[in-house]
C-alpha atoms as a PDB file:
ATOM      1  CA  MET A   1     108.948  30.560 -72.170  1.00  0.00           C
ATOM      2  CA  GLN A   2     111.467  29.636 -75.555  1.00  0.00           C
ATOM      3  CA  ASP A   3     114.370  28.289 -74.525  1.00  0.00           C
ATOM      4  CA  LYS A   4     118.405  28.680 -76.921  1.00  0.00           C
ATOM      5  CA  GLY A   5     119.747  25.162 -76.665  1.00  0.00           C
ATOM      6  CA  LEU A   6     122.943  26.982 -75.240  1.00  0.00           C
ATOM      7  CA  ASP A   7     121.249  28.649 -72.074  1.00  0.00           C
ATOM      8  CA  PHE A   8     120.509  24.573 -70.942  1.00  0.00           C
ATOM      9  CA  LYS A   9     124.989  24.487 -71.141  1.00  0.00           C
ATOM     10  CA  HIS A  10     125.844  24.611 -66.933  1.00  0.00           C
ATOM     11  CA  LYS A  11     122.618  23.891 -66.423  1.00  0.00           C
ATOM     12  CA  GLU A  12     121.918  21.274 -62.417  1.00  0.00           C
ATOM     13  CA  VAL A  13     119.809  17.782 -63.639  1.00  0.00           C
ATOM     14  CA  VAL A  14     118.072  16.388 -60.530  1.00  0.00           C
ATOM     15  CA  ASN A  15     116.580  13.673 -60.630  1.00  0.00           C
ATOM     16  CA  ILE A  16     112.262  14.195 -60.368  1.00  0.00           C
ATOM     17  CA  LYS A  17     111.530  10.940 -58.796  1.00  0.00           C
ATOM     18  CA  ASN A  18     114.420  11.277 -56.244  1.00  0.00           C
ATOM     19  CA  GLY A  19     115.822  15.015 -56.075  1.00  0.00           C
ATOM     20  CA  LYS A  20     119.055  13.021 -56.824  1.00  0.00           C
ATOM     21  CA  ARG A  21     121.639  15.477 -58.087  1.00  0.00           C
ATOM     22  CA  LEU A  22     122.707  13.449 -61.348  1.00  0.00           C
ATOM     23  CA  GLY A  23     125.234  16.404 -63.076  1.00  0.00           C
ATOM     24  CA  TYR A  24     125.433  19.023 -65.283  1.00  0.00           C
ATOM     25  CA  VAL A  25     124.362  20.055 -68.359  1.00  0.00           C
ATOM     26  CA  GLN A  26     127.969  19.563 -70.657  1.00  0.00           C
ATOM     27  CA  ASP A  27     126.282  20.333 -74.827  1.00  0.00           C
ATOM     28  CA  VAL A  28     122.802  19.544 -76.446  1.00  0.00           C
ATOM     29  CA  CYS A  29     121.675  17.781 -79.318  1.00  0.00           C
ATOM     30  CA  ALA A  30     118.697  18.873 -81.493  1.00  0.00           C
ATOM     31  CA  ASP A  31     116.793  18.783 -84.629  1.00  0.00           C
ATOM     32  CA  LEU A  32     116.459  21.286 -86.332  1.00  0.00           C
ATOM     33  CA  GLU A  33     113.836  20.797 -88.649  1.00  0.00           C
ATOM     34  CA  THR A  34     111.634  19.864 -85.793  1.00  0.00           C
ATOM     35  CA  GLY A  35     113.450  22.328 -83.333  1.00  0.00           C
ATOM     36  CA  THR A  36     113.016  19.863 -80.129  1.00  0.00           C
ATOM     37  CA  ILE A  37     116.526  18.844 -78.752  1.00  0.00           C
ATOM     38  CA  THR A  38     117.199  15.118 -79.240  1.00  0.00           C
ATOM     39  CA  SER A  39     119.567  14.542 -76.505  1.00  0.00           C
ATOM     40  CA  MET A  40     122.121  16.081 -73.364  1.00  0.00           C
ATOM     41  CA  MET A  41     125.050  15.176 -72.089  1.00  0.00           C
ATOM     42  CA  VAL A  42     125.634  15.214 -69.007  1.00  0.00           C
ATOM     43  CA  ALA A  43     128.553  15.555 -66.686  1.00  0.00           C
ATOM     44  CA  ARG A  44     128.518  13.711 -63.149  1.00  0.00           C
ATOM     45  CA  LYS A  45     130.099  15.476 -60.552  1.00  0.00           C
ATOM     46  CA  ARG A  46     133.798  14.583 -59.656  1.00  0.00           C
ATOM     47  CA  ILE A  47     134.312  12.430 -57.197  1.00  0.00           C
ATOM     48  CA  ASP A  48     137.686  10.695 -55.035  1.00  0.00           C
ATOM     49  CA  ILE A  49     137.935   7.629 -54.857  1.00  0.00           C
ATOM     50  CA  ASP A  50     140.513   6.905 -52.286  1.00  0.00           C
ATOM     51  CA  LEU A  51     142.321   3.537 -53.841  1.00  0.00           C
ATOM     52  CA  ALA A  52     144.794   2.657 -50.589  1.00  0.00           C
ATOM     53  CA  ASN A  53     140.835   2.085 -49.032  1.00  0.00           C
ATOM     54  CA  PRO A  54     138.096   0.737 -51.863  1.00  0.00           C
ATOM     55  CA  LEU A  55     134.713  -0.246 -51.243  1.00  0.00           C
END
């Protein structure tokens, strides 16, 4: 199955060792000569922090 880089955008990324959800793919960089993906930018989920009661 061949996927284009754009097919990865907005896909959820999960750590295969512990199952933790890391976020969603926002951008993909590829080497156009070899056709391989060189990096992916993953955006984390928004975390609301209560500044009045920090951890």
